[in-house]
Amino acid sequence: MYVEKEKPLPLVYDEVKLECGYRIDLLVEREIVLKIKSVEALAEIHLAQVLTYLKLSQNCFGLLMNFNVLKLKDGIKRVVNGY
């Protein structure tokens, strides 16, 4: 399994290009974006972050994972871009 951590994500706006506009927490098999959190509750801004990473990296699937829960399955949210 191929995993990249803190993967830089370039950002282009008008004619300005930033080599590292964002950083993906984990990118699994160059297809699945993982956003790792440890917060009381997931908010809409966390979902927006994952969707932004998916759009910029041109990937379709992501997982938003919150480790501050009693059961890990309660802290996982699947995110699909474009559907």
Protein backbone atom coordinates (compact mmCIF):
# COMPACT_ATOMS: atom_id res chain seq x y z
CA MET A 1 0.00 0.00 0.00
CA TYR A 2 1.36 3.40 -1.01
CA VAL A 3 0.71 6.24 1.46
CA GLU A 4 1.94 9.84 1.27
CA LYS A 5 1.75 12.00 4.39
CA GLU A 6 1.57 15.79 4.42
CA LYS A 7 1.29 15.76 0.62
CA PRO A 8 1.73 19.30 -0.77
CA LEU A 9 -1.13 20.43 -2.98
CA PRO A 10 -0.41 23.27 -5.41
CA LEU A 11 -2.88 26.12 -5.74
CA VAL A 12 -3.33 28.29 -8.83
CA TYR A 13 -5.38 31.48 -8.71
CA ASP A 14 -5.44 33.78 -11.74
CA GLU A 15 -1.74 33.86 -12.69
CA VAL A 16 -0.38 33.20 -9.20
CA LYS A 17 0.82 29.67 -8.49
CA LEU A 18 1.64 28.46 -4.99
CA GLU A 19 3.59 25.19 -4.92
CA CYS A 20 2.11 24.32 -1.53
CA GLY A 21 -1.25 26.03 -1.09
CA TYR A 22 -2.59 23.16 1.03
CA ARG A 23 -1.33 19.91 2.55
CA ILE A 24 -3.30 16.66 2.44
CA ASP A 25 -2.93 14.79 5.74
CA LEU A 26 -2.73 11.36 4.07
CA LEU A 27 -3.11 10.30 0.45
CA VAL A 28 -3.63 6.54 0.09
CA GLU A 29 -2.80 4.82 -3.21
CA ARG A 30 -2.88 8.25 -4.91
CA GLU A 31 -6.70 8.06 -4.81
CA ILE A 32 -8.14 8.40 -1.31
CA VAL A 33 -7.75 11.64 0.66
CA LEU A 34 -7.76 11.29 4.45
CA LYS A 35 -8.33 14.29 6.70
CA ILE A 36 -7.43 13.52 10.30
CA LYS A 37 -9.07 15.45 13.15
CA SER A 38 -9.40 15.22 16.93
CA VAL A 39 -12.25 17.56 17.78
CA GLU A 40 -15.41 17.47 19.91
CA ALA A 41 -17.60 17.30 16.79
CA LEU A 42 -17.04 17.54 13.07
CA ALA A 43 -18.21 20.82 11.57
CA GLU A 44 -19.14 21.91 8.05
CA ILE A 45 -15.73 23.59 7.66
CA HIS A 46 -14.03 20.19 8.03
CA LEU A 47 -16.19 18.78 5.24
CA ALA A 48 -15.38 21.84 3.11
CA GLN A 49 -11.65 21.20 3.63
CA VAL A 50 -11.95 17.63 2.35
CA LEU A 51 -14.02 18.72 -0.64
CA THR A 52 -11.42 21.38 -1.48
CA TYR A 53 -8.62 18.80 -1.32
CA LEU A 54 -10.62 16.44 -3.53
CA LYS A 55 -11.30 19.09 -6.15
CA LEU A 56 -7.72 20.37 -6.27
CA SER A 57 -6.18 16.90 -6.34
CA GLN A 58 -8.78 15.66 -8.86
CA ASN A 59 -9.67 12.68 -6.69
CA CYS A 60 -13.18 11.40 -6.05
CA PHE A 61 -13.08 9.75 -2.62
CA GLY A 62 -12.10 10.96 0.81
CA LEU A 63 -12.50 10.13 4.47
CA LEU A 64 -12.92 12.65 7.25
CA MET A 65 -11.79 10.94 10.46
CA ASN A 66 -12.33 12.25 13.99
CA PHE A 67 -10.37 10.37 16.65
CA ASN A 68 -12.04 12.17 19.59
CA VAL A 69 -14.94 9.68 19.82
CA LEU A 70 -15.68 6.59 21.89
CA LYS A 71 -16.17 4.32 18.86
CA LEU A 72 -13.98 5.01 15.84
CA LYS A 73 -16.77 4.08 13.43
CA ASP A 74 -18.76 7.04 14.79
CA GLY A 75 -15.95 9.41 13.83
CA ILE A 76 -15.60 8.42 10.17
CA LYS A 77 -17.41 10.31 7.42
CA ARG A 78 -17.13 9.26 3.78
CA VAL A 79 -16.89 12.11 1.28
CA VAL A 80 -17.47 11.75 -2.47
CA ASN A 81 -16.66 14.57 -4.88
CA GLY A 82 -18.96 15.23 -7.81
CA TYR A 83 -21.96 13.10 -6.84
